[in-house]
């Protein structure tokens, strides 16, 4: 599990919004960015499912919410730098 995720276990079957909400960062994450991260996580899981991959198969499932939060924060930062 990523060190950025809270200690409480969040099931990979939990709604994407709950998984994203469990991600802790040292900067505030707006509701809009959390929503974007949850949507991205839902897309990752949907693509995996189309390939026959379940949450049990996703060895990195506990870090996917972290990846989604990092991605939307990076994109948000990049767009504000322009």
C-alpha atoms as a PDB file:
ATOM      1  CA  UNK A   1       0.000   0.000   0.000  1.00  0.00           C
ATOM      2  CA  UNK A   2       1.262   3.440  -0.784  1.00  0.00           C
ATOM      3  CA  UNK A   3       2.504   5.475   2.134  1.00  0.00           C
ATOM      4  CA  UNK A   4       0.220   8.302   0.998  1.00  0.00           C
ATOM      5  CA  UNK A   5      -2.950   6.342   1.669  1.00  0.00           C
ATOM      6  CA  UNK A   6      -4.502   6.430   5.104  1.00  0.00           C
ATOM      7  CA  UNK A   7      -3.901   3.439   7.376  1.00  0.00           C
ATOM      8  CA  UNK A   8      -7.516   2.279   7.215  1.00  0.00           C
ATOM      9  CA  UNK A   9      -7.993  -0.432   4.570  1.00  0.00           C
ATOM     10  CA  UNK A  10     -10.222   0.630   1.702  1.00  0.00           C
ATOM     11  CA  UNK A  11     -11.490  -2.243  -0.396  1.00  0.00           C
ATOM     12  CA  UNK A  12     -10.703  -2.158  -4.120  1.00  0.00           C
ATOM     13  CA  UNK A  13     -14.435  -2.875  -4.480  1.00  0.00           C
ATOM     14  CA  UNK A  14     -15.353   0.337  -2.670  1.00  0.00           C
ATOM     15  CA  UNK A  15     -16.750   3.120  -4.845  1.00  0.00           C
ATOM     16  CA  UNK A  16     -14.017   5.062  -6.641  1.00  0.00           C
ATOM     17  CA  UNK A  17     -14.937   8.223  -4.722  1.00  0.00           C
ATOM     18  CA  UNK A  18     -14.329   6.416  -1.409  1.00  0.00           C
ATOM     19  CA  UNK A  19     -10.986   5.063  -2.611  1.00  0.00           C
ATOM     20  CA  UNK A  20      -9.894   8.513  -3.777  1.00  0.00           C
ATOM     21  CA  UNK A  21     -11.117  10.112  -0.545  1.00  0.00           C
ATOM     22  CA  UNK A  22      -8.806   7.767   1.379  1.00  0.00           C
ATOM     23  CA  UNK A  23      -5.751   9.262  -0.349  1.00  0.00           C
ATOM     24  CA  UNK A  24      -3.966  11.718   1.925  1.00  0.00           C
ATOM     25  CA  UNK A  25      -1.875  14.570   0.542  1.00  0.00           C
ATOM     26  CA  UNK A  26      -0.027  17.468   2.133  1.00  0.00           C
ATOM     27  CA  UNK A  27      -1.951  19.899  -0.066  1.00  0.00           C
ATOM     28  CA  UNK A  28      -5.716  20.392  -0.042  1.00  0.00           C
ATOM     29  CA  UNK A  29      -7.522  18.545  -2.822  1.00  0.00           C
ATOM     30  CA  UNK A  30     -10.621  20.318  -4.080  1.00  0.00           C
ATOM     31  CA  UNK A  31     -13.912  18.529  -4.591  1.00  0.00           C
ATOM     32  CA  UNK A  32     -13.528  19.013  -8.352  1.00  0.00           C
ATOM     33  CA  UNK A  33     -10.083  17.362  -8.357  1.00  0.00           C
ATOM     34  CA  UNK A  34     -11.327  14.480  -6.194  1.00  0.00           C
ATOM     35  CA  UNK A  35     -14.221  14.004  -8.612  1.00  0.00           C
ATOM     36  CA  UNK A  36     -11.807  13.985 -11.558  1.00  0.00           C
ATOM     37  CA  UNK A  37      -9.571  11.446  -9.803  1.00  0.00           C
ATOM     38  CA  UNK A  38     -12.555   9.211  -9.038  1.00  0.00           C
ATOM     39  CA  UNK A  39     -13.667   9.377 -12.678  1.00  0.00           C
ATOM     40  CA  UNK A  40     -10.154   8.460 -13.801  1.00  0.00           C
ATOM     41  CA  UNK A  41     -10.092   5.524 -11.371  1.00  0.00           C
ATOM     42  CA  UNK A  42     -13.462   4.334 -12.696  1.00  0.00           C
ATOM     43  CA  UNK A  43     -12.048   4.463 -16.234  1.00  0.00           C
ATOM     44  CA  UNK A  44      -8.975   2.426 -15.217  1.00  0.00           C
ATOM     45  CA  UNK A  45     -11.168  -0.229 -13.610  1.00  0.00           C
ATOM     46  CA  UNK A  46     -13.557  -0.317 -16.583  1.00  0.00           C
ATOM     47  CA  UNK A  47     -10.685  -0.805 -19.035  1.00  0.00           C
ATOM     48  CA  UNK A  48      -9.221  -3.546 -16.851  1.00  0.00           C
ATOM     49  CA  UNK A  49     -12.617  -5.268 -16.694  1.00  0.00           C
ATOM     50  CA  UNK A  50     -12.873  -5.208 -20.495  1.00  0.00           C
ATOM     51  CA  UNK A  51      -9.612  -7.166 -20.508  1.00  0.00           C
ATOM     52  CA  UNK A  52     -10.966  -9.686 -17.986  1.00  0.00           C
ATOM     53  CA  UNK A  53      -9.056  -8.217 -15.048  1.00  0.00           C
ATOM     54  CA  UNK A  54     -10.881  -7.967 -11.729  1.00  0.00           C
ATOM     55  CA  UNK A  55     -10.069  -6.019  -8.571  1.00  0.00           C
ATOM     56  CA  UNK A  56      -8.594  -9.238  -7.163  1.00  0.00           C
ATOM     57  CA  UNK A  57      -6.207  -9.371 -10.120  1.00  0.00           C
ATOM     58  CA  UNK A  58      -5.040  -5.795  -9.697  1.00  0.00           C
ATOM     59  CA  UNK A  59      -1.992  -6.250  -7.515  1.00  0.00           C
ATOM     60  CA  UNK A  60      -1.571  -2.482  -7.519  1.00  0.00           C
ATOM     61  CA  UNK A  61      -5.221  -1.771  -6.758  1.00  0.00           C
ATOM     62  CA  UNK A  62      -4.339  -0.035  -3.502  1.00  0.00           C
ATOM     63  CA  UNK A  63      -2.068   2.404  -5.329  1.00  0.00           C
ATOM     64  CA  UNK A  64      -4.410   3.157  -8.235  1.00  0.00           C
ATOM     65  CA  UNK A  65      -6.324   5.806  -6.243  1.00  0.00           C
ATOM     66  CA  UNK A  66      -2.961   7.436  -5.441  1.00  0.00           C
ATOM     67  CA  UNK A  67      -1.986   7.370  -9.116  1.00  0.00           C
ATOM     68  CA  UNK A  68      -5.294   8.978 -10.111  1.00  0.00           C
ATOM     69  CA  UNK A  69      -4.947  11.746  -7.525  1.00  0.00           C
ATOM     70  CA  UNK A  70      -1.334  12.378  -8.582  1.00  0.00           C
ATOM     71  CA  UNK A  71      -2.368  12.529 -12.244  1.00  0.00           C
ATOM     72  CA  UNK A  72      -5.145  15.091 -11.759  1.00  0.00           C
ATOM     73  CA  UNK A  73      -2.962  17.203  -9.458  1.00  0.00           C
ATOM     74  CA  UNK A  74      -0.149  17.170 -12.035  1.00  0.00           C
ATOM     75  CA  UNK A  75      -2.517  18.081 -14.865  1.00  0.00           C
ATOM     76  CA  UNK A  76      -4.080  20.843 -12.763  1.00  0.00           C
ATOM     77  CA  UNK A  77      -0.647  22.232 -11.871  1.00  0.00           C
ATOM     78  CA  UNK A  78       0.484  22.087 -15.523  1.00  0.00           C
ATOM     79  CA  UNK A  79      -2.591  23.958 -16.774  1.00  0.00           C
ATOM     80  CA  UNK A  80      -2.120  26.684 -14.152  1.00  0.00           C
ATOM     81  CA  UNK A  81       1.511  27.182 -15.243  1.00  0.00           C
ATOM     82  CA  UNK A  82       0.547  28.123 -18.810  1.00  0.00           C
END
